[in-house]
Amino acid sequence: MPDRAAPHPDRRALLVSGAALSGAALAGLGLSGPAAAAEAPALPAGPLSDLPLVAPRTEFVYEAVVEIAPLVSLGDSPLGERRIVPITGGRFQGPRIRGTVLSGGADRQLVRKDGVRRLDALYEMQAEDGAILTVRNQVLIDPGRDGAPDYRFSTIEMTAPEGPHAWLNRLVLVGTLHSLRPARAAVLVRAFRLA
């Protein structure tokens, strides 16, 4: 039976002890300081456990044609060029839901010094039954190098009201983004649930 009067170890003391032990182990290998991390033994490749490695699969949830206004530059920052693209409307549909993209949202962008773009779009969509869904779509676009295609993927967070669309609140969504220019001033967003 455990002794309830025994004091619990101090978390800071445990962290300091752990750091000292790992330092001693590296010193025992003749390694210390920043060189220790560079010269430490390589970790084995692959999974760290015997559990089967099962990749998540995806299921299509909806696609949206999001209409946009011209890009507005907000100037440079220490992290890169800041830009904003107003969202002016559009439509969306999928197997279980459809409706319109409402105007008033915006896509805030950061073009980093290395050419990678970070997009953070926040807007609302209205389902056919009138329910308003809030969408936050965070995209990373890495321009293709050496003939490789662009890398354009996103994480999508949806907030739906209680009721028939509440199932959207319980999903992890990932997405793709494609420009529809020059045919129209819009982007195509496809959303998939991880399953």
Protein backbone atom coordinates (compact mmCIF):
# COMPACT_ATOMS: atom_id res chain seq x y z
CA MET A 1 0.00 0.00 0.00
CA PRO A 2 1.52 3.36 -0.95
CA ASP A 3 2.50 5.76 1.80
CA ARG A 4 0.21 8.76 1.37
CA ALA A 5 2.44 10.89 3.58
CA ALA A 6 5.44 10.41 1.29
CA PRO A 7 6.23 13.68 -0.55
CA HIS A 8 5.74 13.82 -4.33
CA PRO A 9 8.95 14.48 -6.26
CA ASP A 10 9.41 18.07 -7.38
CA ARG A 11 8.91 18.36 -11.18
CA ARG A 12 11.84 20.72 -11.58
CA ALA A 13 14.09 18.38 -9.62
CA LEU A 14 13.05 15.52 -11.92
CA LEU A 15 13.81 17.58 -15.03
CA VAL A 16 17.21 18.63 -13.69
CA SER A 17 17.99 15.01 -12.75
CA GLY A 18 16.96 13.82 -16.22
CA ALA A 19 19.14 16.44 -17.89
CA ALA A 20 22.08 15.46 -15.69
CA LEU A 21 21.61 11.76 -16.51
CA SER A 22 21.43 12.40 -20.26
CA GLY A 23 24.51 14.65 -20.01
CA ALA A 24 26.34 11.91 -18.12
CA ALA A 25 25.35 9.34 -20.73
CA LEU A 26 26.68 11.55 -23.55
CA ALA A 27 29.84 12.25 -21.55
CA GLY A 28 30.27 8.50 -21.17
CA LEU A 29 30.30 8.33 -24.96
CA GLY A 30 32.94 11.06 -25.04
CA LEU A 31 30.42 13.63 -26.32
CA SER A 32 29.45 16.98 -24.83
CA GLY A 33 27.84 20.28 -25.82
CA PRO A 34 26.33 20.93 -29.29
CA ALA A 35 28.64 18.37 -30.86
CA ALA A 36 26.94 15.69 -28.76
CA ALA A 37 23.69 16.08 -30.68
CA ALA A 38 25.49 15.98 -34.03
CA GLU A 39 27.58 12.92 -33.10
CA ALA A 40 24.98 11.01 -31.09
CA PRO A 41 24.20 7.52 -32.39
CA ALA A 42 21.65 7.52 -35.24
CA LEU A 43 18.11 6.43 -34.44
CA PRO A 44 16.75 3.44 -36.31
CA ALA A 45 14.51 4.31 -39.27
CA GLY A 46 10.82 3.46 -39.14
CA PRO A 47 8.26 3.06 -36.39
CA LEU A 48 9.27 3.00 -32.74
CA SER A 49 6.68 0.42 -31.72
CA ASP A 50 5.32 -2.94 -32.81
CA LEU A 51 1.83 -1.51 -33.43
CA PRO A 52 0.81 -1.80 -37.09
CA LEU A 53 1.52 1.35 -39.08
CA VAL A 54 -1.88 2.33 -40.53
CA ALA A 55 -2.01 5.59 -42.46
CA PRO A 56 -5.21 7.62 -42.15
CA ARG A 57 -7.50 7.54 -45.16
CA THR A 58 -9.55 10.45 -46.42
CA GLU A 59 -13.18 10.89 -47.40
CA PHE A 60 -14.48 13.76 -49.53
CA VAL A 61 -16.65 16.22 -47.54
CA TYR A 62 -17.17 19.20 -49.88
CA GLU A 63 -15.64 21.45 -52.48
CA ALA A 64 -16.05 25.21 -52.56
CA VAL A 65 -15.53 27.71 -55.34
CA VAL A 66 -14.46 30.76 -53.33
CA GLU A 67 -14.65 34.05 -55.23
CA ILE A 68 -11.96 36.58 -54.38
CA ALA A 69 -11.20 40.28 -54.93
CA PRO A 70 -7.79 41.53 -56.05
CA LEU A 71 -4.89 41.00 -53.65
CA VAL A 72 -3.87 43.95 -51.43
CA SER A 73 -0.27 44.18 -50.23
CA LEU A 74 0.12 45.14 -46.55
CA GLY A 75 3.88 45.66 -46.75
CA ASP A 76 6.95 43.81 -45.63
CA SER A 77 7.54 42.45 -42.14
CA PRO A 78 10.54 40.72 -40.58
CA LEU A 79 8.98 37.41 -41.66
CA GLY A 80 8.13 38.40 -45.24
CA GLU A 81 5.51 40.24 -47.31
CA ARG A 82 2.04 40.51 -45.76
CA ARG A 83 -0.99 40.42 -48.05
CA ILE A 84 -4.77 40.15 -47.82
CA VAL A 85 -7.30 38.80 -50.33
CA PRO A 86 -10.97 39.68 -49.63
CA ILE A 87 -13.49 36.86 -50.07
CA THR A 88 -16.54 38.03 -52.01
CA GLY A 89 -18.79 34.96 -52.32
CA GLY A 90 -19.06 31.58 -53.97
CA ARG A 91 -20.71 28.18 -53.64
CA PHE A 92 -19.95 24.88 -51.96
CA GLN A 93 -21.37 21.37 -52.11
CA GLY A 94 -20.67 17.84 -51.00
CA PRO A 95 -22.54 14.57 -50.44
CA ARG A 96 -24.20 15.80 -47.20
CA ILE A 97 -24.19 19.60 -47.46
CA ARG A 98 -24.34 22.48 -49.93
CA GLY A 99 -24.85 26.23 -49.96
CA THR A 100 -23.15 29.58 -50.57
CA VAL A 101 -19.89 31.18 -49.47
CA LEU A 102 -20.70 34.51 -47.82
CA SER A 103 -18.85 37.72 -48.61
CA GLY A 104 -16.94 39.49 -45.85
CA GLY A 105 -14.21 36.96 -45.11
CA ALA A 106 -10.57 37.34 -46.02
CA ASP A 107 -7.44 35.36 -46.69
CA ARG A 108 -4.43 36.81 -44.87
CA GLN A 109 -1.16 35.76 -46.44
CA LEU A 110 2.51 35.80 -45.57
CA VAL A 111 5.04 35.32 -48.35
CA ARG A 112 8.15 34.18 -46.52
CA LYS A 113 11.69 35.08 -47.56
CA ASP A 114 12.16 31.50 -48.84
CA GLY A 115 9.15 31.84 -51.20
CA VAL A 116 6.80 29.67 -49.13
CA ARG A 117 3.33 31.21 -48.69
CA ARG A 118 1.28 30.79 -45.50
CA LEU A 119 -2.44 31.51 -45.98
CA ASP A 120 -4.92 31.95 -43.15
CA ALA A 121 -8.47 32.32 -44.52
CA LEU A 122 -11.42 32.98 -42.21
CA TYR A 123 -14.92 33.16 -43.69
CA GLU A 124 -18.49 31.92 -43.39
CA MET A 125 -20.57 29.58 -45.53
CA GLN A 126 -24.36 29.33 -45.38
CA ALA A 127 -25.98 25.93 -45.86
CA GLU A 128 -29.21 25.62 -47.84
CA ASP A 129 -31.21 25.36 -44.59
CA GLY A 130 -29.81 28.73 -43.41
CA ALA A 131 -27.21 27.40 -40.95
CA ILE A 132 -24.03 29.49 -40.86
CA LEU A 133 -20.72 27.60 -40.80
CA THR A 134 -17.45 29.30 -39.90
CA VAL A 135 -14.40 28.09 -41.82
CA ARG A 136 -10.74 28.64 -40.97
CA ASN A 137 -8.49 27.30 -43.71
CA GLN A 138 -4.73 27.43 -43.08
CA VAL A 139 -2.73 26.62 -46.21
CA LEU A 140 0.96 26.09 -46.89
CA ILE A 141 2.10 26.63 -50.48
CA ASP A 142 5.66 25.70 -51.36
CA PRO A 143 6.45 26.60 -54.98
CA GLY A 144 7.78 23.66 -56.93
CA ARG A 145 11.52 23.57 -57.39
CA ASP A 146 13.53 21.76 -60.06
CA GLY A 147 10.38 20.93 -62.05
CA ALA A 148 8.45 19.58 -59.05
CA PRO A 149 4.79 20.66 -58.67
CA ASP A 150 3.67 23.11 -55.99
CA TYR A 151 2.97 21.65 -52.56
CA ARG A 152 -0.50 23.02 -51.60
CA PHE A 153 -2.22 21.48 -48.61
CA SER A 154 -4.24 22.82 -45.72
CA THR A 155 -5.90 22.10 -42.43
CA ILE A 156 -9.51 23.22 -42.20
CA GLU A 157 -11.36 23.94 -38.98
CA MET A 158 -15.14 24.20 -39.19
CA THR A 159 -17.57 25.45 -36.59
CA ALA A 160 -21.23 24.61 -37.14
CA PRO A 161 -24.26 25.37 -34.98
CA GLU A 162 -25.95 22.58 -33.03
CA GLY A 163 -28.40 20.72 -35.22
CA PRO A 164 -28.17 18.86 -38.51
CA HIS A 165 -24.65 20.10 -39.33
CA ALA A 166 -23.06 19.50 -35.90
CA TRP A 167 -21.24 16.47 -37.36
CA LEU A 168 -18.80 18.96 -38.95
CA ASN A 169 -17.60 19.96 -35.46
CA ARG A 170 -16.27 16.45 -34.86
CA LEU A 171 -14.00 16.12 -37.89
CA VAL A 172 -10.34 16.65 -38.63
CA LEU A 173 -10.35 18.14 -42.13
CA VAL A 174 -7.50 18.53 -44.58
CA GLY A 175 -7.72 20.26 -47.91
CA THR A 176 -6.31 21.17 -51.27
CA LEU A 177 -6.30 24.55 -53.00
CA HIS A 178 -6.31 25.29 -56.74
CA SER A 179 -6.46 28.65 -58.49
CA LEU A 180 -9.24 29.01 -61.10
CA ARG A 181 -7.52 31.96 -62.82
CA PRO A 182 -7.57 33.15 -65.52
CA ALA A 183 -11.05 31.69 -66.15
CA ARG A 184 -12.43 33.37 -63.02
CA ALA A 185 -11.25 35.26 -59.92
CA ALA A 186 -11.73 32.32 -57.58
CA VAL A 187 -10.03 29.39 -55.91
CA LEU A 188 -11.23 25.81 -55.58
CA VAL A 189 -11.02 24.40 -52.06
CA ARG A 190 -11.58 20.66 -51.56
CA ALA A 191 -12.08 19.37 -48.02
CA PHE A 192 -11.53 15.79 -46.86
CA ARG A 193 -12.09 14.22 -43.46
CA LEU A 194 -9.39 12.03 -41.97
CA ALA A 195 -10.82 8.61 -41.17
